[in-house]
Each structure stands twice: as C-alpha cells, then as structure tokens.
C-alpha cells in the first residue's frame, strides 16, 4: 500500500455523507440492534430460507420471524423471492454480508481481546 492510498482513504472520512445516506445507514443499524434479527440475517447471508426453516434454525416462533423479516425487508437488508406459494428470503448483496461479518468480527475482537486491525 502506498502513502497516497492512505491519504485518499483518510480524505473520504472528511466529507459527511448526505442526510439521506445517513438516515438509510441509521435505519440499517437500527434493524441490527435486535439479536433475533442479527441471527436471522446471519442465516440469510449463507442461503435462501423460508419462514419455517428460519424459525426452526433460530429457535424463534414463526410469527416473530415473519415480523422480523418484514422489518429487514423495509430496511432493504433482505430480499424476497416467490417460488410458487413459498416465500424465500436472502440477505441483500455483499454489502449486507460484509456489514454483518464486520460487526460480528468486531464483537469477537472485543470479547477475546484480539488485536484490532485496519
């Protein structure tokens, strides 16, 4: 990595994002402030699942899973695909997967005392 790369990266953080971007990011973080939604989203980062499968894997009642998925959809964190009468959910793209992975990795560093890295 060159010094100019560090300068370019640092400059990115000097300009505030638009209010619209900040609100959308805040909404995504708000959705991730619930442990059940984090668990559901984690499962959806790996594969598509229907409500019944998610309920079984997460150990949560189906109506609660449906409510959480509706909130995650509204926040743009998951997508829905219909297969006949079956509704299949999946995490929306790489940004969501990386966001969740980074959050869990940061938690791991905090819990284990592992050194932080850039």
Protein backbone atom coordinates (compact mmCIF):
# COMPACT_ATOMS: atom_id res chain seq x y z
CA UNK A 1 0.00 0.00 0.00
CA UNK A 2 1.29 3.44 -0.91
CA UNK A 3 1.13 6.59 1.22
CA UNK A 4 -1.18 8.21 -1.35
CA UNK A 5 -3.68 5.37 -0.76
CA UNK A 6 -3.75 6.23 2.95
CA UNK A 7 -4.31 9.91 2.12
CA UNK A 8 -7.17 9.09 -0.26
CA UNK A 9 -8.80 6.83 2.32
CA UNK A 10 -8.45 9.48 5.04
CA UNK A 11 -9.98 12.15 2.79
CA UNK A 12 -13.08 10.00 2.33
CA UNK A 13 -13.86 10.43 6.04
CA UNK A 14 -13.55 14.23 5.91
CA UNK A 15 -16.70 14.72 3.82
CA UNK A 16 -20.00 13.92 5.53
CA UNK A 17 -22.44 11.75 3.57
CA UNK A 18 -25.79 13.24 2.60
CA UNK A 19 -28.59 13.29 5.14
CA UNK A 20 -30.45 10.71 3.09
CA UNK A 21 -27.46 8.35 3.23
CA UNK A 22 -27.05 8.87 6.97
CA UNK A 23 -30.75 8.11 7.57
CA UNK A 24 -30.60 4.93 5.47
CA UNK A 25 -27.48 3.76 7.32
CA UNK A 26 -29.07 4.59 10.67
CA UNK A 27 -32.12 2.53 9.76
CA UNK A 28 -29.90 -0.43 8.84
CA UNK A 29 -28.09 -0.20 12.19
CA UNK A 30 -31.43 0.13 13.98
CA UNK A 31 -32.54 -3.13 12.39
CA UNK A 32 -29.33 -4.79 13.55
CA UNK A 33 -29.88 -3.70 17.16
CA UNK A 34 -32.08 -6.77 17.75
CA UNK A 35 -30.33 -10.09 18.42
CA UNK A 36 -33.02 -12.14 16.67
CA UNK A 37 -32.71 -10.05 13.51
CA UNK A 38 -28.91 -10.44 13.60
CA UNK A 39 -29.31 -14.22 13.85
CA UNK A 40 -31.85 -14.31 11.01
CA UNK A 41 -29.73 -12.08 8.81
CA UNK A 42 -26.67 -14.22 9.53
CA UNK A 43 -28.54 -17.31 8.32
CA UNK A 44 -29.76 -15.41 5.25
CA UNK A 45 -26.22 -14.40 4.35
CA UNK A 46 -25.43 -18.04 3.68
CA UNK A 47 -28.53 -19.19 1.81
CA UNK A 48 -32.15 -18.57 0.98
CA UNK A 49 -34.62 -19.74 3.60
CA UNK A 50 -38.36 -19.72 4.13
CA UNK A 51 -40.00 -18.60 7.37
CA UNK A 52 -40.48 -22.13 8.71
CA UNK A 53 -36.82 -23.04 8.18
CA UNK A 54 -35.62 -19.80 9.76
CA UNK A 55 -37.92 -20.33 12.74
CA UNK A 56 -36.50 -23.81 13.25
CA UNK A 57 -32.85 -22.80 12.82
CA UNK A 58 -33.12 -19.71 15.03
CA UNK A 59 -35.42 -21.25 17.61
CA UNK A 60 -37.97 -18.45 17.22
CA UNK A 61 -41.73 -18.65 16.67
CA UNK A 62 -42.85 -18.34 13.05
CA UNK A 63 -44.97 -15.20 13.60
CA UNK A 64 -41.99 -13.46 15.21
CA UNK A 65 -39.74 -14.48 12.31
CA UNK A 66 -42.27 -13.06 9.84
CA UNK A 67 -42.38 -9.75 11.71
CA UNK A 68 -38.60 -9.50 11.85
CA UNK A 69 -38.28 -10.32 8.15
CA UNK A 70 -40.81 -7.62 7.27
CA UNK A 71 -38.70 -5.06 9.14
CA UNK A 72 -35.49 -6.28 7.50
CA UNK A 73 -37.16 -6.03 4.09
CA UNK A 74 -38.35 -2.48 4.75
CA UNK A 75 -34.80 -1.52 5.72
CA UNK A 76 -33.52 -3.05 2.46
CA UNK A 77 -31.40 -5.69 4.19
CA UNK A 78 -33.16 -8.76 2.78
CA UNK A 79 -34.89 -9.64 -0.45
CA UNK A 80 -37.90 -11.83 -1.08
CA UNK A 81 -38.34 -14.29 -3.92
CA UNK A 82 -41.54 -16.22 -4.54
CA UNK A 83 -41.34 -19.83 -5.61
CA UNK A 84 -44.93 -20.85 -6.17
CA UNK A 85 -46.66 -20.26 -2.84
CA UNK A 86 -43.37 -20.34 -0.97
CA UNK A 87 -41.59 -17.12 0.04
CA UNK A 88 -37.80 -17.34 0.16
CA UNK A 89 -35.66 -14.71 1.86
CA UNK A 90 -31.99 -13.87 1.35
CA UNK A 91 -29.59 -11.17 2.53
CA UNK A 92 -29.38 -8.35 0.02
CA UNK A 93 -25.93 -8.49 -1.55
CA UNK A 94 -22.34 -8.30 -0.48
CA UNK A 95 -22.59 -5.01 1.39
CA UNK A 96 -25.04 -6.52 3.87
CA UNK A 97 -22.92 -9.66 4.27
CA UNK A 98 -19.75 -7.63 4.85
CA UNK A 99 -21.52 -5.28 7.29
CA UNK A 100 -22.76 -8.19 9.37
CA UNK A 101 -19.44 -10.06 9.18
CA UNK A 102 -17.54 -6.94 10.30
CA UNK A 103 -19.93 -6.38 13.20
CA UNK A 104 -19.53 -9.96 14.40
CA UNK A 105 -15.75 -9.83 13.92
CA UNK A 106 -15.55 -6.58 15.89
CA UNK A 107 -17.56 -8.25 18.65
CA UNK A 108 -15.17 -11.20 18.58
CA UNK A 109 -12.17 -8.86 18.96
CA UNK A 110 -13.84 -7.13 21.89
CA UNK A 111 -14.80 -10.39 23.58
CA UNK A 112 -11.50 -12.19 23.04
CA UNK A 113 -9.17 -9.22 23.40
CA UNK A 114 -7.68 -9.90 19.94
CA UNK A 115 -5.68 -7.05 18.43
CA UNK A 116 -7.58 -4.65 16.23
CA UNK A 117 -6.54 -4.31 12.60
CA UNK A 118 -7.22 -1.87 9.77
